[in-house]
Amino acid sequence: MRINPKEFYIQNLNVLETNGKVINLYTKYGFEVEGVLRRDKILSDRSYYNTILMGRYSG
């Protein structure tokens, strides 16, 4: 199988770990967890949260 670079796309997104519904939705549409940024965000409650990196290939 030969891949044409003009028809090959990479889609990436970032989601906070606390947003489980959105993570499940993106997984349903073919996104996979590619990594985790540990203690990446600090929110108004002064707690640290991880950011989930997700991506998918299409073409």
C-alpha atoms as a PDB file:
ATOM      1  CA  MET A   1       0.000   0.000   0.000  1.00  0.00           C
ATOM      2  CA  ARG A   2       1.394   3.357  -1.009  1.00  0.00           C
ATOM      3  CA  ILE A   3       0.500   6.513   0.943  1.00  0.00           C
ATOM      4  CA  ASN A   4       0.046   9.769  -0.929  1.00  0.00           C
ATOM      5  CA  PRO A   5       1.380  12.552   1.356  1.00  0.00           C
ATOM      6  CA  LYS A   6      -1.197  14.993  -0.011  1.00  0.00           C
ATOM      7  CA  GLU A   7      -4.014  12.760   1.255  1.00  0.00           C
ATOM      8  CA  PHE A   8      -2.522  11.925   4.656  1.00  0.00           C
ATOM      9  CA  TYR A   9      -3.611  13.969   7.677  1.00  0.00           C
ATOM     10  CA  ILE A  10      -2.670  13.934  11.341  1.00  0.00           C
ATOM     11  CA  GLN A  11      -5.136  15.384  13.826  1.00  0.00           C
ATOM     12  CA  ASN A  12      -4.068  16.164  17.395  1.00  0.00           C
ATOM     13  CA  LEU A  13      -5.873  17.501  20.439  1.00  0.00           C
ATOM     14  CA  ASN A  14      -5.386  18.024  24.160  1.00  0.00           C
ATOM     15  CA  VAL A  15      -7.955  17.210  26.853  1.00  0.00           C
ATOM     16  CA  LEU A  16      -7.853  17.595  30.637  1.00  0.00           C
ATOM     17  CA  GLU A  17      -7.941  14.237  32.402  1.00  0.00           C
ATOM     18  CA  THR A  18     -11.070  15.263  34.315  1.00  0.00           C
ATOM     19  CA  ASN A  19     -13.100  15.481  31.091  1.00  0.00           C
ATOM     20  CA  GLY A  20     -13.899  11.773  30.771  1.00  0.00           C
ATOM     21  CA  LYS A  21     -16.975  12.224  28.563  1.00  0.00           C
ATOM     22  CA  VAL A  22     -14.969  14.061  25.921  1.00  0.00           C
ATOM     23  CA  ILE A  23     -12.135  11.523  26.069  1.00  0.00           C
ATOM     24  CA  ASN A  24     -14.669   8.728  25.464  1.00  0.00           C
ATOM     25  CA  LEU A  25     -16.240  10.676  22.589  1.00  0.00           C
ATOM     26  CA  TYR A  26     -12.903  11.248  20.860  1.00  0.00           C
ATOM     27  CA  THR A  27     -11.973   7.590  21.362  1.00  0.00           C
ATOM     28  CA  LYS A  28     -15.253   6.622  19.709  1.00  0.00           C
ATOM     29  CA  TYR A  29     -14.237   8.680  16.659  1.00  0.00           C
ATOM     30  CA  GLY A  30     -10.860   7.010  16.292  1.00  0.00           C
ATOM     31  CA  PHE A  31      -8.552   9.122  18.439  1.00  0.00           C
ATOM     32  CA  GLU A  32      -5.961   7.340  20.568  1.00  0.00           C
ATOM     33  CA  VAL A  33      -4.067   8.475  23.640  1.00  0.00           C
ATOM     34  CA  GLU A  34      -0.567   9.373  22.506  1.00  0.00           C
ATOM     35  CA  GLY A  35       0.784  10.698  25.778  1.00  0.00           C
ATOM     36  CA  VAL A  36       0.170  12.391  29.098  1.00  0.00           C
ATOM     37  CA  LEU A  37       1.573  15.692  30.339  1.00  0.00           C
ATOM     38  CA  ARG A  38       1.722  15.087  34.072  1.00  0.00           C
ATOM     39  CA  ARG A  39       0.720  17.934  36.389  1.00  0.00           C
ATOM     40  CA  ASP A  40       0.547  20.227  33.380  1.00  0.00           C
ATOM     41  CA  LYS A  41      -2.298  22.527  34.459  1.00  0.00           C
ATOM     42  CA  ILE A  42      -3.130  24.241  37.709  1.00  0.00           C
ATOM     43  CA  LEU A  43      -6.737  25.371  38.001  1.00  0.00           C
ATOM     44  CA  SER A  44      -8.542  27.800  40.298  1.00  0.00           C
ATOM     45  CA  ASP A  45      -8.833  25.134  43.019  1.00  0.00           C
ATOM     46  CA  ARG A  46      -4.999  25.164  43.148  1.00  0.00           C
ATOM     47  CA  SER A  47      -4.821  21.495  42.185  1.00  0.00           C
ATOM     48  CA  TYR A  48      -2.636  20.127  39.404  1.00  0.00           C
ATOM     49  CA  TYR A  49      -4.181  18.142  36.553  1.00  0.00           C
ATOM     50  CA  ASN A  50      -2.788  16.004  33.753  1.00  0.00           C
ATOM     51  CA  THR A  51      -3.354  16.826  30.104  1.00  0.00           C
ATOM     52  CA  ILE A  52      -4.129  13.889  27.798  1.00  0.00           C
ATOM     53  CA  LEU A  53      -2.626  14.131  24.289  1.00  0.00           C
ATOM     54  CA  MET A  54      -4.749  12.397  21.663  1.00  0.00           C
ATOM     55  CA  GLY A  55      -4.360  11.963  17.939  1.00  0.00           C
ATOM     56  CA  ARG A  56      -5.485  10.081  14.863  1.00  0.00           C
ATOM     57  CA  TYR A  57      -4.273   9.503  11.332  1.00  0.00           C
ATOM     58  CA  SER A  58      -6.573   9.752   8.361  1.00  0.00           C
ATOM     59  CA  GLY A  59      -6.064   9.574   4.693  1.00  0.00           C
END
